[in-house]
PDB file of N, CA and C in Angstrom:
ATOM      1  N   UNK A   1       9.205  31.104  13.771  1.00  0.00           N
ATOM      2  CA  UNK A   1       9.549  29.742  13.364  1.00  0.00           C
ATOM      3  C   UNK A   1       8.936  28.717  14.313  1.00  0.00           C
ATOM      4  N   UNK A   2       9.048  28.999  15.622  1.00  0.00           N
ATOM      5  CA  UNK A   2       8.498  28.075  16.608  1.00  0.00           C
ATOM      6  C   UNK A   2       6.987  27.990  16.486  1.00  0.00           C
ATOM      7  N   UNK A   3       6.358  29.122  16.120  1.00  0.00           N
ATOM      8  CA  UNK A   3       4.905  29.128  15.974  1.00  0.00           C
ATOM      9  C   UNK A   3       4.471  28.281  14.775  1.00  0.00           C
ATOM     10  N   UNK A   4       5.214  28.355  13.697  1.00  0.00           N
ATOM     11  CA  UNK A   4       4.912  27.540  12.514  1.00  0.00           C
ATOM     12  C   UNK A   4       5.078  26.061  12.835  1.00  0.00           C
ATOM     13  N   UNK A   5       6.107  25.721  13.582  1.00  0.00           N
ATOM     14  CA  UNK A   5       6.316  24.327  13.974  1.00  0.00           C
ATOM     15  C   UNK A   5       5.167  23.844  14.851  1.00  0.00           C
ATOM     16  N   UNK A   6       4.710  24.707  15.756  1.00  0.00           N
ATOM     17  CA  UNK A   6       3.602  24.343  16.628  1.00  0.00           C
ATOM     18  C   UNK A   6       2.327  24.113  15.814  1.00  0.00           C
ATOM     19  N   UNK A   7       2.085  24.960  14.797  1.00  0.00           N
ATOM     20  CA  UNK A   7       0.908  24.792  13.948  1.00  0.00           C
ATOM     21  C   UNK A   7       0.961  23.477  13.182  1.00  0.00           C
ATOM     22  N   UNK A   8       2.112  23.167  12.639  1.00  0.00           N
ATOM     23  CA  UNK A   8       2.273  21.902  11.915  1.00  0.00           C
ATOM     24  C   UNK A   8       2.077  20.727  12.864  1.00  0.00           C
ATOM     25  N   UNK A   9       2.639  20.805  14.050  1.00  0.00           N
ATOM     26  CA  UNK A   9       2.497  19.736  15.038  1.00  0.00           C
ATOM     27  C   UNK A   9       1.027  19.552  15.415  1.00  0.00           C
ATOM     28  N   UNK A  10       0.304  20.646  15.581  1.00  0.00           N
ATOM     29  CA  UNK A  10      -1.110  20.567  15.937  1.00  0.00           C
ATOM     30  C   UNK A  10      -1.911  19.892  14.838  1.00  0.00           C
ATOM     31  N   UNK A  11      -1.648  20.270  13.599  1.00  0.00           N
ATOM     32  CA  UNK A  11      -2.357  19.664  12.470  1.00  0.00           C
ATOM     33  C   UNK A  11      -2.045  18.172  12.373  1.00  0.00           C
ATOM     34  N   UNK A  12      -0.775  17.816  12.463  1.00  0.00           N
ATOM     35  CA  UNK A  12      -0.386  16.408  12.349  1.00  0.00           C
ATOM     36  C   UNK A  12      -0.902  15.587  13.517  1.00  0.00           C
ATOM     37  N   UNK A  13      -0.901  16.145  14.716  1.00  0.00           N
ATOM     38  CA  UNK A  13      -1.366  15.377  15.861  1.00  0.00           C
ATOM     39  C   UNK A  13      -2.867  15.133  15.770  1.00  0.00           C
ATOM     40  N   UNK A  14      -3.630  16.080  15.221  1.00  0.00           N
ATOM     41  CA  UNK A  14      -5.058  15.855  15.021  1.00  0.00           C
ATOM     42  C   UNK A  14      -5.281  14.779  13.970  1.00  0.00           C
ATOM     43  N   UNK A  15      -4.532  14.834  12.889  1.00  0.00           N
ATOM     44  CA  UNK A  15      -4.663  13.827  11.839  1.00  0.00           C
ATOM     45  C   UNK A  15      -4.299  12.454  12.375  1.00  0.00           C
ATOM     46  N   UNK A  16      -3.231  12.392  13.172  1.00  0.00           N
ATOM     47  CA  UNK A  16      -2.799  11.118  13.738  1.00  0.00           C
ATOM     48  C   UNK A  16      -3.856  10.582  14.690  1.00  0.00           C
ATOM     49  N   UNK A  17      -4.433  11.452  15.487  1.00  0.00           N
ATOM     50  CA  UNK A  17      -5.477  11.024  16.420  1.00  0.00           C
ATOM     51  C   UNK A  17      -6.692  10.492  15.676  1.00  0.00           C
ATOM     52  N   UNK A  18      -7.086  11.183  14.612  1.00  0.00           N
ATOM     53  CA  UNK A  18      -8.215  10.723  13.813  1.00  0.00           C
ATOM     54  C   UNK A  18      -7.916   9.391  13.136  1.00  0.00           C
ATOM     55  N   UNK A  19      -6.701   9.237  12.659  1.00  0.00           N
ATOM     56  CA  UNK A  19      -6.304   7.987  12.031  1.00  0.00           C
ATOM     57  C   UNK A  19      -6.355   6.831  13.027  1.00  0.00           C
ATOM     58  N   UNK A  20      -5.854   7.060  14.224  1.00  0.00           N
ATOM     59  CA  UNK A  20      -5.870   6.011  15.249  1.00  0.00           C
ATOM     60  C   UNK A  20      -7.309   5.684  15.672  1.00  0.00           C
ATOM     61  N   UNK A  21      -8.170   6.703  15.775  1.00  0.00           N
ATOM     62  CA  UNK A  21      -9.571   6.478  16.100  1.00  0.00           C
ATOM     63  C   UNK A  21     -10.258   5.667  15.007  1.00  0.00           C
ATOM     64  N   UNK A  22     -10.008   6.016  13.762  1.00  0.00           N
ATOM     65  CA  UNK A  22     -10.595   5.279  12.640  1.00  0.00           C
ATOM     66  C   UNK A  22     -10.108   3.830  12.623  1.00  0.00           C
ATOM     67  N   UNK A  23      -8.830   3.623  12.913  1.00  0.00           N
ATOM     68  CA  UNK A  23      -8.276   2.270  12.952  1.00  0.00           C
ATOM     69  C   UNK A  23      -8.925   1.460  14.068  1.00  0.00           C
ATOM     70  N   UNK A  24      -9.084   2.065  15.251  1.00  0.00           N
ATOM     71  CA  UNK A  24      -9.694   1.369  16.388  1.00  0.00           C
ATOM     72  C   UNK A  24     -11.157   1.034  16.095  1.00  0.00           C
ATOM     73  N   UNK A  25     -11.879   1.967  15.494  1.00  0.00           N
ATOM     74  CA  UNK A  25     -13.278   1.691  15.143  1.00  0.00           C
ATOM     75  C   UNK A  25     -13.383   0.577  14.111  1.00  0.00           C
ATOM     76  N   UNK A  26     -12.484   0.565  13.142  1.00  0.00           N
ATOM     77  CA  UNK A  26     -12.499  -0.489  12.134  1.00  0.00           C
ATOM     78  C   UNK A  26     -12.211  -1.849  12.764  1.00  0.00           C
ATOM     79  N   UNK A  27     -11.304  -1.890  13.730  1.00  0.00           N
ATOM     80  CA  UNK A  27     -11.026  -3.148  14.414  1.00  0.00           C
ATOM     81  C   UNK A  27     -12.224  -3.621  15.228  1.00  0.00           C
ATOM     82  N   UNK A  28     -12.897  -2.692  15.880  1.00  0.00           N
ATOM     83  CA  UNK A  28     -14.037  -3.057  16.739  1.00  0.00           C
ATOM     84  C   UNK A  28     -15.289  -3.395  15.936  1.00  0.00           C
ATOM     85  N   UNK A  29     -15.588  -2.572  14.964  1.00  0.00           N
ATOM     86  CA  UNK A  29     -16.845  -2.717  14.223  1.00  0.00           C
ATOM     87  C   UNK A  29     -16.640  -3.493  12.928  1.00  0.00           C
ATOM     88  N   UNK A  30     -15.613  -3.145  12.206  1.00  0.00           N
ATOM     89  CA  UNK A  30     -15.347  -3.791  10.920  1.00  0.00           C
ATOM     90  C   UNK A  30     -16.306  -3.315   9.843  1.00  0.00           C
ATOM     91  N   UNK A  31     -16.234  -3.946   8.703  1.00  0.00           N
ATOM     92  CA  UNK A  31     -17.134  -3.622   7.602  1.00  0.00           C
ATOM     93  C   UNK A  31     -18.355  -4.525   7.692  1.00  0.00           C
ATOM     94  N   UNK A  32     -19.536  -3.967   7.524  1.00  0.00           N
ATOM     95  CA  UNK A  32     -20.734  -4.811   7.556  1.00  0.00           C
ATOM     96  C   UNK A  32     -20.742  -5.781   6.374  1.00  0.00           C
ATOM     97  N   UNK A  33     -21.146  -7.000   6.647  1.00  0.00           N
ATOM     98  CA  UNK A  33     -21.154  -8.038   5.608  1.00  0.00           C
ATOM     99  C   UNK A  33     -22.166  -7.721   4.501  1.00  0.00           C
ATOM    100  N   UNK A  34     -23.242  -7.030   4.853  1.00  0.00           N
ATOM    101  CA  UNK A  34     -24.287  -6.757   3.873  1.00  0.00           C
ATOM    102  C   UNK A  34     -23.927  -5.619   2.930  1.00  0.00           C
ATOM    103  N   UNK A  35     -22.931  -4.822   3.293  1.00  0.00           N
ATOM    104  CA  UNK A  35     -22.581  -3.657   2.483  1.00  0.00           C
ATOM    105  C   UNK A  35     -21.565  -4.048   1.413  1.00  0.00           C
ATOM    106  N   UNK A  36     -21.854  -3.776   0.132  1.00  0.00           N
ATOM    107  CA  UNK A  36     -20.920  -4.161  -0.939  1.00  0.00           C
ATOM    108  C   UNK A  36     -19.689  -3.247  -0.962  1.00  0.00           C
ATOM    109  N   UNK A  37     -18.640  -3.659  -0.302  1.00  0.00           N
ATOM    110  CA  UNK A  37     -17.426  -2.856  -0.216  1.00  0.00           C
ATOM    111  C   UNK A  37     -16.685  -2.894  -1.553  1.00  0.00           C
ATOM    112  N   UNK A  38     -16.181  -1.754  -2.027  1.00  0.00           N
ATOM    113  CA  UNK A  38     -15.502  -1.718  -3.336  1.00  0.00           C
ATOM    114  C   UNK A  38     -14.312  -2.670  -3.447  1.00  0.00           C
ATOM    115  N   UNK A  39     -13.574  -2.873  -2.369  1.00  0.00           N
ATOM    116  CA  UNK A  39     -12.423  -3.769  -2.431  1.00  0.00           C
ATOM    117  C   UNK A  39     -12.874  -5.212  -2.658  1.00  0.00           C
ATOM    118  N   UNK A  40     -13.975  -5.598  -2.058  1.00  0.00           N
ATOM    119  CA  UNK A  40     -14.509  -6.950  -2.287  1.00  0.00           C
ATOM    120  C   UNK A  40     -14.969  -7.116  -3.734  1.00  0.00           C
ATOM    121  N   UNK A  41     -15.615  -6.083  -4.264  1.00  0.00           N
ATOM    122  CA  UNK A  41     -16.081  -6.139  -5.650  1.00  0.00           C
ATOM    123  C   UNK A  41     -14.893  -6.240  -6.602  1.00  0.00           C
ATOM    124  N   UNK A  42     -13.866  -5.451  -6.363  1.00  0.00           N
ATOM    125  CA  UNK A  42     -12.671  -5.495  -7.203  1.00  0.00           C
ATOM    126  C   UNK A  42     -12.003  -6.867  -7.093  1.00  0.00           C
ATOM    127  N   UNK A  43     -11.938  -7.420  -5.895  1.00  0.00           N
ATOM    128  CA  UNK A  43     -11.332  -8.739  -5.698  1.00  0.00           C
ATOM    129  C   UNK A  43     -12.068  -9.833  -6.447  1.00  0.00           C
ATOM    130  N   UNK A  44     -13.396  -9.790  -6.402  1.00  0.00           N
ATOM    131  CA  UNK A  44     -14.171 -10.784  -7.157  1.00  0.00           C
ATOM    132  C   UNK A  44     -13.946 -10.633  -8.655  1.00  0.00           C
ATOM    133  N   UNK A  45     -13.883  -9.381  -9.107  1.00  0.00           N
ATOM    134  CA  UNK A  45     -13.627  -9.136 -10.530  1.00  0.00           C
ATOM    135  C   UNK A  45     -12.260  -9.643 -10.953  1.00  0.00           C
ATOM    136  N   UNK A  46     -11.257  -9.430 -10.107  1.00  0.00           N
ATOM    137  CA  UNK A  46      -9.909  -9.916 -10.411  1.00  0.00           C
ATOM    138  C   UNK A  46      -9.900 -11.432 -10.509  1.00  0.00           C
ATOM    139  N   UNK A  47     -10.573 -12.095  -9.571  1.00  0.00           N
ATOM    140  CA  UNK A  47     -10.611 -13.563  -9.587  1.00  0.00           C
ATOM    141  C   UNK A  47     -11.257 -14.085 -10.867  1.00  0.00           C
ATOM    142  N   UNK A  48     -12.392 -13.511 -11.241  1.00  0.00           N
ATOM    143  CA  UNK A  48     -13.081 -13.965 -12.460  1.00  0.00           C
ATOM    144  C   UNK A  48     -12.257 -13.668 -13.708  1.00  0.00           C
ATOM    145  N   UNK A  49     -11.704 -12.452 -13.770  1.00  0.00           N
ATOM    146  CA  UNK A  49     -10.907 -12.077 -14.938  1.00  0.00           C
ATOM    147  C   UNK A  49      -9.634 -12.913 -15.034  1.00  0.00           C
ATOM    148  N   UNK A  50      -9.041 -13.240 -13.904  1.00  0.00           N
ATOM    149  CA  UNK A  50      -7.842 -14.084 -13.922  1.00  0.00           C
ATOM    150  C   UNK A  50      -8.158 -15.457 -14.503  1.00  0.00           C
ATOM    151  N   UNK A  51      -9.279 -16.032 -14.100  1.00  0.00           N
ATOM    152  CA  UNK A  51      -9.672 -17.345 -14.637  1.00  0.00           C
ATOM    153  C   UNK A  51      -9.902 -17.278 -16.141  1.00  0.00           C
ATOM    154  N   UNK A  52     -10.533 -16.207 -16.597  1.00  0.00           N
ATOM    155  CA  UNK A  52     -10.783 -16.039 -18.033  1.00  0.00           C
ATOM    156  C   UNK A  52      -9.465 -15.892 -18.793  1.00  0.00           C
ATOM    157  N   UNK A  53      -8.567 -15.056 -18.270  1.00  0.00           N
ATOM    158  CA  UNK A  53      -7.295 -14.830 -18.965  1.00  0.00           C
ATOM    159  C   UNK A  53      -6.404 -16.065 -18.942  1.00  0.00           C
ATOM    160  N   UNK A  54      -6.421 -16.826 -17.854  1.00  0.00           N
ATOM    161  CA  UNK A  54      -5.613 -18.057 -17.807  1.00  0.00           C
ATOM    162  C   UNK A  54      -6.083 -19.057 -18.851  1.00  0.00           C
ATOM    163  N   UNK A  55      -7.398 -19.132 -19.066  1.00  0.00           N
ATOM    164  CA  UNK A  55      -7.929 -20.050 -20.067  1.00  0.00           C
ATOM    165  C   UNK A  55      -7.657 -19.552 -21.485  1.00  0.00           C
ATOM    166  N   UNK A  56      -7.723 -18.234 -21.677  1.00  0.00           N
ATOM    167  CA  UNK A  56      -7.565 -17.665 -23.015  1.00  0.00           C
ATOM    168  C   UNK A  56      -6.103 -17.554 -23.436  1.00  0.00           C
ATOM    169  N   UNK A  57      -5.226 -17.225 -22.498  1.00  0.00           N
ATOM    170  CA  UNK A  57      -3.812 -17.003 -22.821  1.00  0.00           C
ATOM    171  C   UNK A  57      -2.986 -18.050 -22.082  1.00  0.00           C
ATOM    172  N   UNK A  58      -2.837 -19.198 -22.690  1.00  0.00           N
ATOM    173  CA  UNK A  58      -2.077 -20.283 -22.053  1.00  0.00           C
ATOM    174  C   UNK A  58      -0.591 -20.115 -22.329  1.00  0.00           C
ATOM    175  N   UNK A  59       0.227 -20.524 -21.380  1.00  0.00           N
ATOM    176  CA  UNK A  59       1.686 -20.494 -21.469  1.00  0.00           C
ATOM    177  C   UNK A  59       2.254 -19.079 -21.608  1.00  0.00           C
ATOM    178  N   UNK A  60       1.454 -18.083 -21.283  1.00  0.00           N
ATOM    179  CA  UNK A  60       1.926 -16.698 -21.320  1.00  0.00           C
ATOM    180  C   UNK A  60       1.406 -15.987 -20.071  1.00  0.00           C
ATOM    181  N   UNK A  61       1.784 -16.508 -18.912  1.00  0.00           N
ATOM    182  CA  UNK A  61       1.249 -15.988 -17.661  1.00  0.00           C
ATOM    183  C   UNK A  61       1.652 -14.536 -17.409  1.00  0.00           C
ATOM    184  N   UNK A  62       2.857 -14.160 -17.779  1.00  0.00           N
ATOM    185  CA  UNK A  62       3.302 -12.787 -17.551  1.00  0.00           C
ATOM    186  C   UNK A  62       2.451 -11.808 -18.364  1.00  0.00           C
ATOM    187  N   UNK A  63       2.200 -12.138 -19.610  1.00  0.00           N
ATOM    188  CA  UNK A  63       1.359 -11.272 -20.448  1.00  0.00           C
ATOM    189  C   UNK A  63      -0.064 -11.211 -19.906  1.00  0.00           C
ATOM    190  N   UNK A  64      -0.581 -12.339 -19.456  1.00  0.00           N
ATOM    191  CA  UNK A  64      -1.929 -12.360 -18.883  1.00  0.00           C
ATOM    192  C   UNK A  64      -1.971 -11.530 -17.605  1.00  0.00           C
ATOM    193  N   UNK A  65      -0.917 -11.585 -16.788  1.00  0.00           N
ATOM    194  CA  UNK A  65      -0.856 -10.801 -15.561  1.00  0.00           C
ATOM    195  C   UNK A  65      -0.798  -9.312 -15.837  1.00  0.00           C
ATOM    196  N   UNK A  66      -0.014  -8.930 -16.828  1.00  0.00           N
ATOM    197  CA  UNK A  66       0.070  -7.514 -17.205  1.00  0.00           C
ATOM    198  C   UNK A  66      -1.283  -7.028 -17.720  1.00  0.00           C
ATOM    199  N   UNK A  67      -1.921  -7.835 -18.535  1.00  0.00           N
ATOM    200  CA  UNK A  67      -3.240  -7.484 -19.053  1.00  0.00           C
ATOM    201  C   UNK A  67      -4.260  -7.395 -17.918  1.00  0.00           C
ATOM    202  N   UNK A  68      -4.165  -8.286 -16.952  1.00  0.00           N
ATOM    203  CA  UNK A  68      -5.055  -8.259 -15.787  1.00  0.00           C
ATOM    204  C   UNK A  68      -4.908  -6.956 -15.009  1.00  0.00           C
ATOM    205  N   UNK A  69      -3.682  -6.520 -14.789  1.00  0.00           N
ATOM    206  CA  UNK A  69      -3.432  -5.267 -14.069  1.00  0.00           C
ATOM    207  C   UNK A  69      -3.978  -4.075 -14.860  1.00  0.00           C
ATOM    208  N   UNK A  70      -3.726  -4.047 -16.148  1.00  0.00           N
ATOM    209  CA  UNK A  70      -4.188  -2.926 -16.975  1.00  0.00           C
ATOM    210  C   UNK A  70      -5.710  -2.850 -16.990  1.00  0.00           C
ATOM    211  N   UNK A  71      -6.360  -3.981 -17.172  1.00  0.00           N
ATOM    212  CA  UNK A  71      -7.827  -3.998 -17.216  1.00  0.00           C
ATOM    213  C   UNK A  71      -8.410  -3.614 -15.859  1.00  0.00           C
ATOM    214  N   UNK A  72      -7.873  -4.186 -14.786  1.00  0.00           N
ATOM    215  CA  UNK A  72      -8.389  -3.888 -13.443  1.00  0.00           C
ATOM    216  C   UNK A  72      -8.196  -2.418 -13.091  1.00  0.00           C
ATOM    217  N   UNK A  73      -7.013  -1.892 -13.343  1.00  0.00           N
ATOM    218  CA  UNK A  73      -6.756  -0.478 -13.046  1.00  0.00           C
ATOM    219  C   UNK A  73      -7.631   0.427 -13.912  1.00  0.00           C
ATOM    220  N   UNK A  74      -7.805   0.073 -15.165  1.00  0.00           N
ATOM    221  CA  UNK A  74      -8.632   0.874 -16.058  1.00  0.00           C
ATOM    222  C   UNK A  74     -10.089   0.904 -15.635  1.00  0.00           C
ATOM    223  N   UNK A  75     -10.627  -0.249 -15.304  1.00  0.00           N
ATOM    224  CA  UNK A  75     -12.032  -0.321 -14.871  1.00  0.00           C
ATOM    225  C   UNK A  75     -12.212   0.429 -13.545  1.00  0.00           C
ATOM    226  N   UNK A  76     -11.272   0.253 -12.620  1.00  0.00           N
ATOM    227  CA  UNK A  76     -11.354   0.946 -11.334  1.00  0.00           C
ATOM    228  C   UNK A  76     -11.278   2.451 -11.530  1.00  0.00           C
ATOM    229  N   UNK A  77     -10.384   2.905 -12.395  1.00  0.00           N
ATOM    230  CA  UNK A  77     -10.252   4.336 -12.678  1.00  0.00           C
ATOM    231  C   UNK A  77     -11.532   4.872 -13.319  1.00  0.00           C
ATOM    232  N   UNK A  78     -12.085   4.116 -14.250  1.00  0.00           N
ATOM    233  CA  UNK A  78     -13.281   4.546 -14.958  1.00  0.00           C
ATOM    234  C   UNK A  78     -14.453   4.755 -13.993  1.00  0.00           C
ATOM    235  N   UNK A  79     -14.646   3.807 -13.071  1.00  0.00           N
ATOM    236  CA  UNK A  79     -15.774   3.893 -12.151  1.00  0.00           C
ATOM    237  C   UNK A  79     -15.538   4.862 -10.999  1.00  0.00           C
ATOM    238  N   UNK A  80     -14.286   5.168 -10.698  1.00  0.00           N
ATOM    239  CA  UNK A  80     -14.020   6.079  -9.582  1.00  0.00           C
ATOM    240  C   UNK A  80     -13.896   7.527 -10.007  1.00  0.00           C
ATOM    241  N   UNK A  81     -13.782   7.776 -11.290  1.00  0.00           N
ATOM    242  CA  UNK A  81     -13.635   9.183 -11.718  1.00  0.00           C
ATOM    243  C   UNK A  81     -14.932   9.740 -12.260  1.00  0.00           C
TER     244      UNK A  81
END
């Protein structure tokens, strides 16, 4: 039992160390401005789609928001799978 706990601790401590290293590198280096990061692309798409839906579906913001989430999640799923 103690050996299994030690194995789990070793695995988790390595993962935690890697996570902390990745976090520190991201803070120091960050994302390059020239590289098209997927989150930035998704954010721009959300902004454009929100403007389109607000103009098309007036006085129904909740429905437009639900449609925005469905379309964004669907497009993201389509391109990532």
